[in-house]
Amino acid sequence: MTTATAQGQVARACTALASADLIRLITEIDDNGPVPPHGLARIFPDLTRRRIRHTIEQAHALGLVSIRSGAGLGLTDAGLQLADFYDSTARWARTHNYPGPTCTFITRVQATLQLLTPVQGPVAAPPTATVGAVEDLARLREALDRWIGAHWSGDEPAGVLQTLPEAA
């Protein structure tokens, strides 16, 4: 993906995929299996019902989750692959102490996605990154490009890219 249109598509995808609530939802289901939709309030007691509903709608619009009869909210193939990508991204960040030596899973994923978001040029590695770190980061970008190519249509509904304020 090298065209300006493709770079814009990657930037939009990175913005949507970096939502803290979306990362939490996808990794929760990946780690613990399908969840009854009403069970999410117990799992995420710090989120309002509105935020939970918005996150489910966002994940559904992106094709990451589906309701499974008798099982609840589960991940689609796209959601499973995204969960693997989140794990790889956090592993890269942890290995290279990015953005710092002590960070949460979500912070690591968000900071690394920010590095992978195209700006005019190649992947922007942290200034102290080793050659190996830059090569690993480039591989993450290739994995992101493959995921976007397979699962991101580029015409997602506008609401998918909207995030709710933290206090909502």
N, C-alpha and C. Protein backbone atom coordinates (compact mmCIF):
# COMPACT_ATOMS: atom_id res chain seq x y z
N MET A 1 0.85 -1.18 0.00
CA MET A 1 0.00 0.00 0.00
C MET A 1 0.89 1.23 0.00
N THR A 2 0.95 1.88 -1.12
CA THR A 2 1.83 3.04 -1.17
C THR A 2 1.12 4.29 -1.65
N THR A 3 -0.06 4.18 -2.24
CA THR A 3 -0.75 5.36 -2.75
C THR A 3 -1.29 6.19 -1.61
N ALA A 4 -1.59 7.45 -1.93
CA ALA A 4 -2.15 8.34 -0.91
C ALA A 4 -3.48 7.80 -0.41
N THR A 5 -4.28 7.23 -1.30
CA THR A 5 -5.56 6.65 -0.90
C THR A 5 -5.34 5.51 0.07
N ALA A 6 -4.41 4.62 -0.24
CA ALA A 6 -4.12 3.48 0.63
C ALA A 6 -3.57 3.97 1.97
N GLN A 7 -2.73 5.00 1.94
CA GLN A 7 -2.20 5.53 3.20
C GLN A 7 -3.32 6.11 4.05
N GLY A 8 -4.28 6.78 3.40
CA GLY A 8 -5.43 7.31 4.12
C GLY A 8 -6.27 6.19 4.71
N GLN A 9 -6.39 5.10 3.96
CA GLN A 9 -7.15 3.95 4.44
C GLN A 9 -6.47 3.34 5.66
N VAL A 10 -5.16 3.21 5.62
CA VAL A 10 -4.41 2.67 6.76
C VAL A 10 -4.55 3.61 7.96
N ALA A 11 -4.46 4.90 7.72
CA ALA A 11 -4.60 5.86 8.82
C ALA A 11 -5.98 5.76 9.46
N ARG A 12 -7.03 5.67 8.64
CA ARG A 12 -8.39 5.54 9.18
C ARG A 12 -8.54 4.23 9.96
N ALA A 13 -7.98 3.16 9.41
CA ALA A 13 -8.06 1.86 10.09
C ALA A 13 -7.33 1.93 11.43
N CYS A 14 -6.13 2.50 11.44
CA CYS A 14 -5.36 2.61 12.69
C CYS A 14 -6.12 3.41 13.73
N THR A 15 -6.77 4.49 13.30
CA THR A 15 -7.56 5.30 14.23
C THR A 15 -8.67 4.48 14.85
N ALA A 16 -9.42 3.75 14.02
CA ALA A 16 -10.53 2.94 14.53
C ALA A 16 -10.02 1.80 15.41
N LEU A 17 -8.96 1.14 15.00
CA LEU A 17 -8.46 -0.03 15.73
C LEU A 17 -7.75 0.34 17.02
N ALA A 18 -7.39 1.61 17.19
CA ALA A 18 -6.69 2.06 18.39
C ALA A 18 -7.64 2.45 19.53
N SER A 19 -8.93 2.30 19.32
CA SER A 19 -9.89 2.61 20.37
C SER A 19 -9.64 1.70 21.58
N ALA A 20 -9.43 2.30 22.73
CA ALA A 20 -9.15 1.52 23.95
C ALA A 20 -10.29 0.55 24.24
N ASP A 21 -11.52 1.01 24.08
CA ASP A 21 -12.67 0.15 24.36
C ASP A 21 -12.72 -1.02 23.38
N LEU A 22 -12.41 -0.77 22.11
CA LEU A 22 -12.41 -1.84 21.11
C LEU A 22 -11.31 -2.86 21.42
N ILE A 23 -10.13 -2.38 21.77
CA ILE A 23 -9.02 -3.28 22.13
C ILE A 23 -9.44 -4.15 23.31
N ARG A 24 -10.05 -3.54 24.32
CA ARG A 24 -10.50 -4.31 25.49
C ARG A 24 -11.52 -5.36 25.12
N LEU A 25 -12.50 -4.99 24.29
CA LEU A 25 -13.55 -5.94 23.90
C LEU A 25 -12.97 -7.11 23.12
N ILE A 26 -12.15 -6.82 22.13
CA ILE A 26 -11.60 -7.88 21.28
C ILE A 26 -10.70 -8.81 22.10
N THR A 27 -9.85 -8.26 22.95
CA THR A 27 -8.94 -9.11 23.72
C THR A 27 -9.69 -9.89 24.80
N GLU A 28 -10.75 -9.31 25.37
CA GLU A 28 -11.55 -10.03 26.36
C GLU A 28 -12.19 -11.26 25.74
N ILE A 29 -12.80 -11.09 24.58
CA ILE A 29 -13.45 -12.22 23.93
C ILE A 29 -12.41 -13.23 23.46
N ASP A 30 -11.28 -12.75 22.97
CA ASP A 30 -10.21 -13.66 22.53
C ASP A 30 -9.68 -14.48 23.70
N ASP A 31 -9.49 -13.84 24.83
CA ASP A 31 -8.93 -14.53 25.99
C ASP A 31 -9.93 -15.46 26.69
N ASN A 32 -11.21 -15.07 26.70
CA ASN A 32 -12.18 -15.80 27.52
C ASN A 32 -13.36 -16.39 26.77
N GLY A 33 -13.41 -16.23 25.46
CA GLY A 33 -14.49 -16.80 24.69
C GLY A 33 -15.70 -15.88 24.60
N PRO A 34 -16.74 -16.34 23.89
CA PRO A 34 -17.94 -15.52 23.69
C PRO A 34 -18.54 -15.05 25.01
N VAL A 35 -19.14 -13.87 24.96
CA VAL A 35 -19.70 -13.23 26.14
C VAL A 35 -21.17 -12.89 25.88
N PRO A 36 -22.06 -13.19 26.82
CA PRO A 36 -23.44 -12.73 26.65
C PRO A 36 -23.43 -11.21 26.60
N PRO A 37 -24.14 -10.59 25.63
CA PRO A 37 -24.09 -9.12 25.52
C PRO A 37 -24.39 -8.39 26.82
N HIS A 38 -25.31 -8.91 27.62
CA HIS A 38 -25.61 -8.24 28.89
C HIS A 38 -24.54 -8.51 29.95
N GLY A 39 -23.66 -9.46 29.69
CA GLY A 39 -22.58 -9.77 30.61
C GLY A 39 -21.43 -8.78 30.51
N LEU A 40 -21.43 -7.96 29.48
CA LEU A 40 -20.33 -7.01 29.31
C LEU A 40 -20.30 -5.95 30.40
N ALA A 41 -21.45 -5.60 30.96
CA ALA A 41 -21.48 -4.61 32.04
C ALA A 41 -20.73 -5.13 33.26
N ARG A 42 -20.77 -6.44 33.50
CA ARG A 42 -20.01 -7.03 34.61
C ARG A 42 -18.52 -7.05 34.30
N ILE A 43 -18.20 -7.33 33.04
CA ILE A 43 -16.79 -7.44 32.63
C ILE A 43 -16.12 -6.07 32.59
N PHE A 44 -16.87 -5.06 32.16
CA PHE A 44 -16.34 -3.70 32.05
C PHE A 44 -17.14 -2.75 32.95
N PRO A 45 -17.02 -2.91 34.27
CA PRO A 45 -17.84 -2.09 35.18
C PRO A 45 -17.52 -0.60 35.12
N ASP A 46 -16.36 -0.25 34.57
CA ASP A 46 -15.97 1.15 34.48
C ASP A 46 -16.57 1.85 33.26
N LEU A 47 -17.22 1.09 32.36
CA LEU A 47 -17.81 1.68 31.16
C LEU A 47 -19.32 1.83 31.32
N THR A 48 -19.85 2.93 30.80
CA THR A 48 -21.29 3.12 30.82
C THR A 48 -21.93 2.18 29.80
N ARG A 49 -23.22 1.96 29.95
CA ARG A 49 -23.94 1.13 28.97
C ARG A 49 -23.82 1.74 27.58
N ARG A 50 -23.84 3.05 27.51
CA ARG A 50 -23.72 3.74 26.22
C ARG A 50 -22.37 3.41 25.55
N ARG A 51 -21.31 3.45 26.34
CA ARG A 51 -19.97 3.15 25.79
C ARG A 51 -19.89 1.70 25.35
N ILE A 52 -20.44 0.80 26.15
CA ILE A 52 -20.42 -0.61 25.79
C ILE A 52 -21.20 -0.82 24.49
N ARG A 53 -22.39 -0.24 24.41
CA ARG A 53 -23.20 -0.38 23.20
C ARG A 53 -22.47 0.20 21.98
N HIS A 54 -21.85 1.36 22.15
CA HIS A 54 -21.11 1.98 21.05
C HIS A 54 -19.96 1.07 20.60
N THR A 55 -19.26 0.49 21.55
CA THR A 55 -18.12 -0.38 21.22
C THR A 55 -18.59 -1.63 20.49
N ILE A 56 -19.69 -2.22 20.95
CA ILE A 56 -20.23 -3.40 20.26
C ILE A 56 -20.65 -3.02 18.84
N GLU A 57 -21.32 -1.88 18.70
CA GLU A 57 -21.74 -1.43 17.37
C GLU A 57 -20.53 -1.19 16.47
N GLN A 58 -19.49 -0.60 17.02
CA GLN A 58 -18.26 -0.35 16.26
C GLN A 58 -17.64 -1.68 15.82
N ALA A 59 -17.51 -2.61 16.75
CA ALA A 59 -16.92 -3.92 16.43
C ALA A 59 -17.77 -4.67 15.41
N HIS A 60 -19.08 -4.58 15.54
CA HIS A 60 -19.97 -5.25 14.59
C HIS A 60 -19.85 -4.61 13.21
N ALA A 61 -19.84 -3.28 13.14
CA ALA A 61 -19.72 -2.57 11.86
C ALA A 61 -18.40 -2.89 11.16
N LEU A 62 -17.37 -3.15 11.94
CA LEU A 62 -16.06 -3.50 11.37
C LEU A 62 -15.96 -4.99 11.05
N GLY A 63 -17.01 -5.74 11.35
CA GLY A 63 -17.01 -7.17 11.06
C GLY A 63 -16.16 -7.99 12.01
N LEU A 64 -15.95 -7.49 13.22
CA LEU A 64 -15.07 -8.16 14.18
C LEU A 64 -15.80 -9.10 15.12
N VAL A 65 -17.09 -8.86 15.33
CA VAL A 65 -17.88 -9.68 16.25
C VAL A 65 -19.19 -10.08 15.60
N SER A 66 -19.76 -11.13 16.14
CA SER A 66 -21.10 -11.55 15.73
C SER A 66 -21.76 -12.21 16.94
N ILE A 67 -23.09 -12.19 16.93
CA ILE A 67 -23.84 -12.86 17.99
C ILE A 67 -23.96 -14.32 17.60
N ARG A 68 -23.54 -15.19 18.50
CA ARG A 68 -23.62 -16.63 18.26
C ARG A 68 -24.73 -17.20 19.11
N SER A 69 -25.67 -17.83 18.47
CA SER A 69 -26.83 -18.39 19.16
C SER A 69 -26.38 -19.28 20.32
N GLY A 70 -26.89 -18.96 21.48
CA GLY A 70 -26.58 -19.74 22.67
C GLY A 70 -25.23 -19.46 23.29
N ALA A 71 -24.36 -18.71 22.60
CA ALA A 71 -23.03 -18.45 23.13
C ALA A 71 -22.80 -16.98 23.47
N GLY A 72 -23.45 -16.09 22.75
CA GLY A 72 -23.26 -14.67 22.99
C GLY A 72 -22.40 -14.01 21.94
N LEU A 73 -21.74 -12.95 22.32
CA LEU A 73 -20.92 -12.16 21.42
C LEU A 73 -19.57 -12.83 21.23
N GLY A 74 -19.26 -13.22 19.99
CA GLY A 74 -18.00 -13.90 19.70
C GLY A 74 -17.25 -13.20 18.59
N LEU A 75 -16.02 -13.60 18.39
CA LEU A 75 -15.19 -13.00 17.35
C LEU A 75 -15.40 -13.71 16.02
N THR A 76 -15.40 -12.92 14.96
CA THR A 76 -15.40 -13.46 13.61
C THR A 76 -13.96 -13.80 13.25
N ASP A 77 -13.72 -14.32 12.06
CA ASP A 77 -12.34 -14.57 11.62
C ASP A 77 -11.54 -13.28 11.63
N ALA A 78 -12.15 -12.19 11.18
CA ALA A 78 -11.46 -10.89 11.19
C ALA A 78 -11.11 -10.48 12.62
N GLY A 79 -12.03 -10.72 13.56
CA GLY A 79 -11.78 -10.39 14.96
C GLY A 79 -10.68 -11.23 15.56
N LEU A 80 -10.67 -12.52 15.23
CA LEU A 80 -9.59 -13.41 15.72
C LEU A 80 -8.24 -12.97 15.18
N GLN A 81 -8.20 -12.63 13.91
CA GLN A 81 -6.94 -12.18 13.32
C GLN A 81 -6.50 -10.85 13.91
N LEU A 82 -7.46 -9.97 14.19
CA LEU A 82 -7.11 -8.69 14.83
C LEU A 82 -6.58 -8.93 16.23
N ALA A 83 -7.19 -9.85 16.97
CA ALA A 83 -6.70 -10.17 18.32
C ALA A 83 -5.26 -10.66 18.25
N ASP A 84 -4.94 -11.49 17.27
CA ASP A 84 -3.55 -11.95 17.09
C ASP A 84 -2.64 -10.78 16.77
N PHE A 85 -3.12 -9.85 15.93
CA PHE A 85 -2.33 -8.67 15.60
C PHE A 85 -2.10 -7.81 16.84
N TYR A 86 -3.14 -7.61 17.65
CA TYR A 86 -2.98 -6.85 18.90
C TYR A 86 -1.92 -7.51 19.78
N ASP A 87 -1.97 -8.84 19.90
CA ASP A 87 -0.98 -9.55 20.73
C ASP A 87 0.43 -9.34 20.19
N SER A 88 0.60 -9.45 18.88
CA SER A 88 1.93 -9.25 18.27
C SER A 88 2.42 -7.83 18.47
N THR A 89 1.50 -6.89 18.36
CA THR A 89 1.84 -5.48 18.52
C THR A 89 2.29 -5.20 19.96
N ALA A 90 1.54 -5.70 20.91
CA ALA A 90 1.91 -5.50 22.32
C ALA A 90 3.22 -6.21 22.64
N ARG A 91 3.43 -7.38 22.07
CA ARG A 91 4.68 -8.12 22.30
C ARG A 91 5.87 -7.31 21.77
N TRP A 92 5.73 -6.72 20.55
CA TRP A 92 6.81 -5.89 20.01
C TRP A 92 7.09 -4.73 20.96
N ALA A 93 6.02 -4.06 21.39
CA ALA A 93 6.20 -2.89 22.27
C ALA A 93 6.84 -3.28 23.60
N ARG A 94 6.42 -4.40 24.16
CA ARG A 94 7.00 -4.86 25.44
C ARG A 94 8.47 -5.20 25.26
N THR A 95 8.80 -5.90 24.19
CA THR A 95 10.18 -6.29 23.92
C THR A 95 11.09 -5.08 23.79
N HIS A 96 10.55 -4.01 23.19
CA HIS A 96 11.37 -2.82 22.91
C HIS A 96 11.06 -1.66 23.86
N ASN A 97 10.40 -1.99 25.00
CA ASN A 97 10.08 -0.98 26.01
C ASN A 97 9.41 0.25 25.42
N TYR A 98 8.46 0.02 24.54
CA TYR A 98 7.79 1.13 23.89
C TYR A 98 6.33 1.16 24.31
N PRO A 99 5.80 2.27 24.69
CA PRO A 99 6.40 3.60 24.74
C PRO A 99 7.23 3.84 26.00
N GLY A 100 7.24 2.89 26.91
CA GLY A 100 8.05 2.99 28.12
C GLY A 100 8.16 1.61 28.74
N PRO A 101 9.01 1.46 29.75
CA PRO A 101 9.21 0.14 30.34
C PRO A 101 7.98 -0.41 31.08
N THR A 102 7.14 0.45 31.62
CA THR A 102 5.94 -0.03 32.32
C THR A 102 4.71 0.62 31.71
N CYS A 103 3.98 -0.14 30.92
CA CYS A 103 2.77 0.34 30.25
C CYS A 103 1.73 -0.76 30.24
N THR A 104 0.50 -0.37 30.02
CA THR A 104 -0.56 -1.35 29.91
C THR A 104 -0.58 -1.94 28.50
N PHE A 105 -1.26 -3.05 28.36
CA PHE A 105 -1.44 -3.69 27.05
C PHE A 105 -2.05 -2.68 26.07
N ILE A 106 -3.09 -1.99 26.51
CA ILE A 106 -3.78 -1.04 25.63
C ILE A 106 -2.86 0.09 25.22
N THR A 107 -2.10 0.64 26.15
CA THR A 107 -1.18 1.73 25.82
C THR A 107 -0.13 1.27 24.82
N ARG A 108 0.37 0.06 24.99
CA ARG A 108 1.37 -0.47 24.05
C ARG A 108 0.78 -0.63 22.65
N VAL A 109 -0.43 -1.17 22.57
CA VAL A 109 -1.07 -1.35 21.26
C VAL A 109 -1.33 0.01 20.61
N GLN A 110 -1.88 0.94 21.37
CA GLN A 110 -2.18 2.26 20.81
C GLN A 110 -0.92 2.99 20.34
N ALA A 111 0.12 2.96 21.14
CA ALA A 111 1.36 3.66 20.78
C ALA A 111 2.00 3.03 19.54
N THR A 112 1.95 1.71 19.44
CA THR A 112 2.55 1.04 18.29
C THR A 112 1.71 1.28 17.05
N LEU A 113 0.38 1.28 17.18
CA LEU A 113 -0.47 1.61 16.03
C LEU A 113 -0.18 3.02 15.53
N GLN A 114 0.11 3.91 16.46
CA GLN A 114 0.46 5.28 16.06
C GLN A 114 1.75 5.28 15.23
N LEU A 115 2.71 4.43 15.60
CA LEU A 115 3.94 4.32 14.81
C LEU A 115 3.65 3.76 13.42
N LEU A 116 2.66 2.88 13.34
CA LEU A 116 2.33 2.22 12.08
C LEU A 116 1.45 3.08 11.17
N THR A 117 0.89 4.15 11.72
CA THR A 117 0.05 5.04 10.92
C THR A 117 0.93 5.81 9.95
N PRO A 118 0.60 5.75 8.66
CA PRO A 118 1.47 6.40 7.68
C PRO A 118 1.43 7.92 7.78
N VAL A 119 2.60 8.47 7.72
CA VAL A 119 2.80 9.90 7.52
C VAL A 119 3.67 9.92 6.28
N GLN A 120 3.94 10.93 5.67
CA GLN A 120 4.68 10.93 4.41
C GLN A 120 6.02 10.21 4.54
N GLY A 121 6.04 8.91 4.34
CA GLY A 121 7.29 8.17 4.39
C GLY A 121 7.12 6.79 4.97
N PRO A 122 8.23 6.10 5.27
CA PRO A 122 8.17 4.74 5.79
C PRO A 122 7.70 4.72 7.25
N VAL A 123 7.58 3.54 7.79
CA VAL A 123 7.17 3.37 9.19
C VAL A 123 8.11 4.18 10.07
N ALA A 124 7.54 4.95 10.98
CA ALA A 124 8.33 5.81 11.86
C ALA A 124 8.68 5.06 13.13
N ALA A 125 9.89 4.60 13.25
CA ALA A 125 10.33 3.88 14.44
C ALA A 125 10.75 4.87 15.52
N PRO A 126 10.70 4.45 16.78
CA PRO A 126 11.18 5.33 17.85
C PRO A 126 12.65 5.70 17.60
N PRO A 127 13.07 6.88 18.02
CA PRO A 127 14.44 7.33 17.76
C PRO A 127 15.53 6.41 18.30
N THR A 128 15.26 5.68 19.36
CA THR A 128 16.27 4.80 19.96
C THR A 128 16.17 3.36 19.46
N ALA A 129 15.34 3.11 18.46
CA ALA A 129 15.11 1.74 17.99
C ALA A 129 16.34 1.15 17.32
N THR A 130 16.56 -0.13 17.58
CA THR A 130 17.65 -0.86 16.93
C THR A 130 17.20 -1.27 15.54
N VAL A 131 18.13 -1.75 14.75
CA VAL A 131 17.80 -2.23 13.41
C VAL A 131 16.78 -3.37 13.50
N GLY A 132 16.97 -4.28 14.45
CA GLY A 132 16.04 -5.39 14.63
C GLY A 132 14.65 -4.91 14.99
N ALA A 133 14.56 -3.87 15.83
CA ALA A 133 13.26 -3.33 16.21
C ALA A 133 12.55 -2.73 15.00
N VAL A 134 13.30 -2.03 14.17
CA VAL A 134 12.73 -1.42 12.97
C VAL A 134 12.25 -2.50 12.00
N GLU A 135 13.05 -3.55 11.85
CA GLU A 135 12.65 -4.66 10.97
C GLU A 135 11.39 -5.34 11.49
N ASP A 136 11.33 -5.56 12.80
CA ASP A 136 10.14 -6.18 13.40
C ASP A 136 8.92 -5.28 13.24
N LEU A 137 9.12 -3.97 13.38
CA LEU A 137 8.03 -3.01 13.22
C LEU A 137 7.53 -3.03 11.77
N ALA A 138 8.45 -3.14 10.83
CA ALA A 138 8.06 -3.21 9.42
C ALA A 138 7.23 -4.48 9.16
N ARG A 139 7.59 -5.57 9.83
CA ARG A 139 6.79 -6.80 9.69
C ARG A 139 5.39 -6.62 10.27
N LEU A 140 5.29 -5.89 11.37
CA LEU A 140 3.97 -5.59 11.93
C LEU A 140 3.15 -4.77 10.94
N ARG A 141 3.80 -3.81 10.29
CA ARG A 141 3.09 -2.99 9.29
C ARG A 141 2.62 -3.86 8.14
N GLU A 142 3.43 -4.82 7.71
CA GLU A 142 3.02 -5.73 6.64
C GLU A 142 1.80 -6.55 7.10
N ALA A 143 1.82 -7.00 8.35
CA ALA A 143 0.68 -7.76 8.88
C ALA A 143 -0.57 -6.88 8.93
N LEU A 144 -0.40 -5.63 9.32
CA LEU A 144 -1.52 -4.69 9.35
C LEU A 144 -2.06 -4.48 7.94
N ASP A 145 -1.17 -4.29 6.99
CA ASP A 145 -1.60 -4.11 5.59
C ASP A 145 -2.38 -5.32 5.09
N ARG A 146 -1.92 -6.53 5.45
CA ARG A 146 -2.64 -7.75 5.04
C ARG A 146 -4.02 -7.79 5.69
N TRP A 147 -4.11 -7.44 6.98
CA TRP A 147 -5.40 -7.46 7.66
C TRP A 147 -6.33 -6.45 7.02
N ILE A 148 -5.83 -5.25 6.77
CA ILE A 148 -6.66 -4.21 6.14
C ILE A 148 -7.11 -4.66 4.75
N GLY A 149 -6.19 -5.23 3.98
CA GLY A 149 -6.54 -5.70 2.65
C GLY A 149 -7.62 -6.77 2.66
N ALA A 150 -7.60 -7.61 3.67
CA ALA A 150 -8.56 -8.70 3.76
C ALA A 150 -9.88 -8.31 4.41
N HIS A 151 -9.84 -7.31 5.32
CA HIS A 151 -11.02 -7.07 6.14
C HIS A 151 -11.54 -5.64 6.18
N TRP A 152 -10.84 -4.69 5.62
CA TRP A 152 -11.26 -3.30 5.70
C TRP A 152 -11.74 -2.86 4.33
N SER A 153 -13.01 -2.51 4.23
CA SER A 153 -13.57 -2.16 2.92
C SER A 153 -13.26 -0.74 2.50
N GLY A 154 -12.90 0.11 3.44
CA GLY A 154 -12.59 1.49 3.10
C GLY A 154 -13.81 2.38 3.09
N ASP A 155 -15.00 1.80 3.16
CA ASP A 155 -16.21 2.61 3.19
C ASP A 155 -17.03 2.31 4.44
N GLU A 156 -16.33 2.17 5.57
CA GLU A 156 -16.99 1.91 6.83
C GLU A 156 -17.89 3.09 7.17
N PRO A 157 -18.98 2.83 7.86
CA PRO A 157 -19.88 3.92 8.26
C PRO A 157 -19.13 4.96 9.09
N ALA A 158 -19.51 6.21 8.93
CA ALA A 158 -18.82 7.30 9.63
C ALA A 158 -18.79 7.07 11.14
N GLY A 159 -19.84 6.51 11.72
CA GLY A 159 -19.91 6.28 13.15
C GLY A 159 -18.85 5.33 13.66
N VAL A 160 -18.32 4.48 12.78
CA VAL A 160 -17.30 3.53 13.18
C VAL A 160 -16.04 4.25 13.64
N LEU A 161 -15.75 5.36 13.02
CA LEU A 161 -14.52 6.09 13.34
C LEU A 161 -14.69 7.05 14.50
N GLN A 162 -15.92 7.27 14.95
CA GLN A 162 -16.15 8.18 16.05
C GLN A 162 -15.90 7.46 17.36
N THR A 163 -15.21 8.13 18.25
CA THR A 163 -15.03 7.57 19.58
C THR A 163 -15.77 8.46 20.56
N LEU A 164 -16.24 7.85 21.61
CA LEU A 164 -16.93 8.62 22.64
C LEU A 164 -15.89 9.19 23.59
N PRO A 165 -16.15 10.37 24.14
CA PRO A 165 -15.23 10.93 25.13
C PRO A 165 -15.12 9.99 26.33
N GLU A 166 -13.98 9.99 26.96
CA GLU A 166 -13.73 9.10 28.10
C GLU A 166 -14.75 9.27 29.20
N ALA A 167 -15.26 10.46 29.42
CA ALA A 167 -16.19 10.70 30.53
C ALA A 167 -17.62 10.33 30.18
N ALA A 168 -17.89 9.91 28.95
CA ALA A 168 -19.28 9.63 28.54
C ALA A 168 -19.86 8.44 29.24
